Amino acid sequence: MAVPKRKTSKSRRNKRRAHWKMKSMHLVECPRCLEYKLPHRVCMKCGFYKDRNVVKIES
């Protein structure tokens, strides 16, 4: 079995993990209420999706 001859340094380990960062969420504005929401999903503020009332929001 292959065994490493030397310990991997912190610098080399961190260079390998440089691309593990989290991506920011992509948000779009709801055309009706102008609140931010995830794309292709029902707006939780007004309950509309593609100009149709999908969810009844109690206020």
N, C-alpha and C. Protein backbone atom coordinates (compact mmCIF):
# COMPACT_ATOMS: atom_id res chain seq x y z
N MET A 1 0.82 -1.18 0.00
CA MET A 1 0.00 0.00 0.00
C MET A 1 0.87 1.25 0.00
N ALA A 2 0.47 2.27 -0.73
CA ALA A 2 1.25 3.51 -0.77
C ALA A 2 1.02 4.31 0.49
N VAL A 3 2.11 4.76 1.08
CA VAL A 3 2.05 5.56 2.30
C VAL A 3 2.82 6.85 2.04
N PRO A 4 2.27 8.02 2.42
CA PRO A 4 3.00 9.25 2.20
C PRO A 4 4.29 9.29 3.01
N LYS A 5 5.36 9.78 2.38
CA LYS A 5 6.66 9.83 3.05
C LYS A 5 6.73 11.01 4.02
N ARG A 6 6.06 12.12 3.69
CA ARG A 6 6.08 13.31 4.53
C ARG A 6 4.65 13.78 4.81
N LYS A 7 4.51 14.50 5.91
CA LYS A 7 3.21 15.09 6.25
C LYS A 7 2.89 16.20 5.24
N THR A 8 1.65 16.27 4.80
CA THR A 8 1.22 17.34 3.89
C THR A 8 1.16 18.64 4.68
N SER A 9 1.83 19.67 4.17
CA SER A 9 1.88 20.94 4.89
C SER A 9 0.52 21.62 4.86
N LYS A 10 0.32 22.55 5.79
CA LYS A 10 -0.94 23.29 5.85
C LYS A 10 -1.15 24.11 4.58
N SER A 11 -0.06 24.65 4.05
CA SER A 11 -0.15 25.45 2.83
C SER A 11 -0.63 24.62 1.65
N ARG A 12 -0.05 23.44 1.48
CA ARG A 12 -0.43 22.57 0.37
C ARG A 12 -1.87 22.07 0.53
N ARG A 13 -2.24 21.72 1.76
CA ARG A 13 -3.61 21.27 2.04
C ARG A 13 -4.62 22.38 1.73
N ASN A 14 -4.31 23.60 2.15
CA ASN A 14 -5.24 24.72 1.95
C ASN A 14 -5.33 25.13 0.49
N LYS A 15 -4.24 24.97 -0.27
CA LYS A 15 -4.29 25.24 -1.72
C LYS A 15 -5.24 24.28 -2.41
N ARG A 16 -5.24 23.06 -1.96
CA ARG A 16 -6.13 22.05 -2.55
C ARG A 16 -7.59 22.37 -2.24
N ARG A 17 -7.85 22.95 -1.09
CA ARG A 17 -9.22 23.25 -0.66
C ARG A 17 -9.66 24.67 -1.03
N ALA A 18 -8.94 25.33 -1.90
CA ALA A 18 -9.22 26.73 -2.22
C ALA A 18 -10.56 26.91 -2.93
N HIS A 19 -11.08 25.88 -3.57
CA HIS A 19 -12.32 26.01 -4.35
C HIS A 19 -13.53 25.45 -3.61
N TRP A 20 -13.43 25.25 -2.30
CA TRP A 20 -14.53 24.69 -1.52
C TRP A 20 -15.47 25.75 -1.00
N LYS A 21 -15.37 26.97 -1.50
CA LYS A 21 -16.18 28.05 -0.95
C LYS A 21 -17.66 27.86 -1.31
N MET A 22 -18.53 28.42 -0.49
CA MET A 22 -19.97 28.33 -0.73
C MET A 22 -20.36 29.36 -1.79
N LYS A 23 -21.34 29.00 -2.60
CA LYS A 23 -21.85 29.91 -3.61
C LYS A 23 -23.01 30.71 -3.03
N SER A 24 -23.13 31.96 -3.43
CA SER A 24 -24.24 32.78 -2.96
C SER A 24 -25.52 32.36 -3.70
N MET A 25 -26.64 32.53 -3.02
CA MET A 25 -27.92 32.16 -3.62
C MET A 25 -28.29 33.16 -4.69
N HIS A 26 -28.82 32.66 -5.80
CA HIS A 26 -29.27 33.53 -6.89
C HIS A 26 -30.71 33.93 -6.62
N LEU A 27 -30.95 35.21 -6.43
CA LEU A 27 -32.29 35.70 -6.13
C LEU A 27 -32.78 36.58 -7.27
N VAL A 28 -34.09 36.53 -7.50
CA VAL A 28 -34.73 37.38 -8.51
C VAL A 28 -35.88 38.13 -7.85
N GLU A 29 -36.28 39.23 -8.45
CA GLU A 29 -37.40 40.01 -7.92
C GLU A 29 -38.72 39.42 -8.39
N CYS A 30 -39.69 39.36 -7.51
CA CYS A 30 -41.05 38.96 -7.89
C CYS A 30 -41.66 40.11 -8.70
N PRO A 31 -42.23 39.84 -9.86
CA PRO A 31 -42.78 40.94 -10.67
C PRO A 31 -44.00 41.60 -10.05
N ARG A 32 -44.69 40.93 -9.14
CA ARG A 32 -45.90 41.51 -8.54
C ARG A 32 -45.59 42.35 -7.31
N CYS A 33 -44.87 41.76 -6.34
CA CYS A 33 -44.66 42.46 -5.07
C CYS A 33 -43.24 43.00 -4.92
N LEU A 34 -42.36 42.72 -5.87
CA LEU A 34 -40.98 43.20 -5.91
C LEU A 34 -40.13 42.71 -4.74
N GLU A 35 -40.54 41.62 -4.09
CA GLU A 35 -39.73 40.98 -3.06
C GLU A 35 -38.77 40.01 -3.73
N TYR A 36 -37.66 39.73 -3.08
CA TYR A 36 -36.70 38.77 -3.63
C TYR A 36 -37.14 37.35 -3.32
N LYS A 37 -36.97 36.45 -4.32
CA LYS A 37 -37.35 35.05 -4.17
C LYS A 37 -36.40 34.21 -4.99
N LEU A 38 -36.41 32.89 -4.77
CA LEU A 38 -35.62 31.98 -5.58
C LEU A 38 -36.27 31.83 -6.94
N PRO A 39 -35.49 31.69 -8.02
CA PRO A 39 -36.09 31.58 -9.35
C PRO A 39 -36.87 30.28 -9.51
N HIS A 40 -37.91 30.30 -10.31
CA HIS A 40 -38.78 29.15 -10.62
C HIS A 40 -39.48 28.60 -9.39
N ARG A 41 -39.81 29.47 -8.46
CA ARG A 41 -40.52 29.05 -7.25
C ARG A 41 -41.61 30.06 -6.92
N VAL A 42 -42.58 29.63 -6.15
CA VAL A 42 -43.69 30.48 -5.74
C VAL A 42 -43.16 31.57 -4.80
N CYS A 43 -43.64 32.78 -4.98
CA CYS A 43 -43.27 33.87 -4.09
C CYS A 43 -43.99 33.66 -2.76
N MET A 44 -43.25 33.65 -1.67
CA MET A 44 -43.85 33.40 -0.36
C MET A 44 -44.56 34.63 0.19
N LYS A 45 -44.30 35.78 -0.39
CA LYS A 45 -44.92 37.02 0.07
C LYS A 45 -46.33 37.18 -0.50
N CYS A 46 -46.47 36.97 -1.84
CA CYS A 46 -47.78 37.19 -2.48
C CYS A 46 -48.43 35.89 -2.95
N GLY A 47 -47.69 34.79 -3.06
CA GLY A 47 -48.27 33.50 -3.44
C GLY A 47 -48.46 33.31 -4.93
N PHE A 48 -47.85 34.14 -5.76
CA PHE A 48 -48.01 34.04 -7.20
C PHE A 48 -46.83 33.34 -7.84
N TYR A 49 -47.10 32.61 -8.94
CA TYR A 49 -46.06 32.01 -9.77
C TYR A 49 -46.53 32.07 -11.21
N LYS A 50 -45.75 32.70 -12.07
CA LYS A 50 -46.08 32.88 -13.49
C LYS A 50 -47.46 33.51 -13.67
N ASP A 51 -47.71 34.60 -12.98
CA ASP A 51 -48.96 35.39 -13.05
C ASP A 51 -50.21 34.59 -12.68
N ARG A 52 -50.04 33.55 -11.87
CA ARG A 52 -51.18 32.80 -11.36
C ARG A 52 -51.08 32.72 -9.84
N ASN A 53 -52.23 32.82 -9.18
CA ASN A 53 -52.26 32.68 -7.72
C ASN A 53 -52.21 31.20 -7.38
N VAL A 54 -51.08 30.75 -6.84
CA VAL A 54 -50.88 29.33 -6.55
C VAL A 54 -51.14 29.04 -5.08
N VAL A 55 -50.70 29.92 -4.20
CA VAL A 55 -50.83 29.74 -2.76
C VAL A 55 -51.62 30.90 -2.20
N LYS A 56 -52.63 30.59 -1.39
CA LYS A 56 -53.41 31.66 -0.76
C LYS A 56 -52.69 32.10 0.49
N ILE A 57 -52.33 33.38 0.54
CA ILE A 57 -51.59 33.95 1.67
C ILE A 57 -52.59 34.65 2.59
N GLU A 58 -52.59 34.25 3.85
CA GLU A 58 -53.46 34.89 4.86
C GLU A 58 -52.72 36.08 5.43
N SER A 59 -53.35 37.26 5.46
CA SER A 59 -52.66 38.42 6.02
C SER A 59 -53.40 39.02 7.19
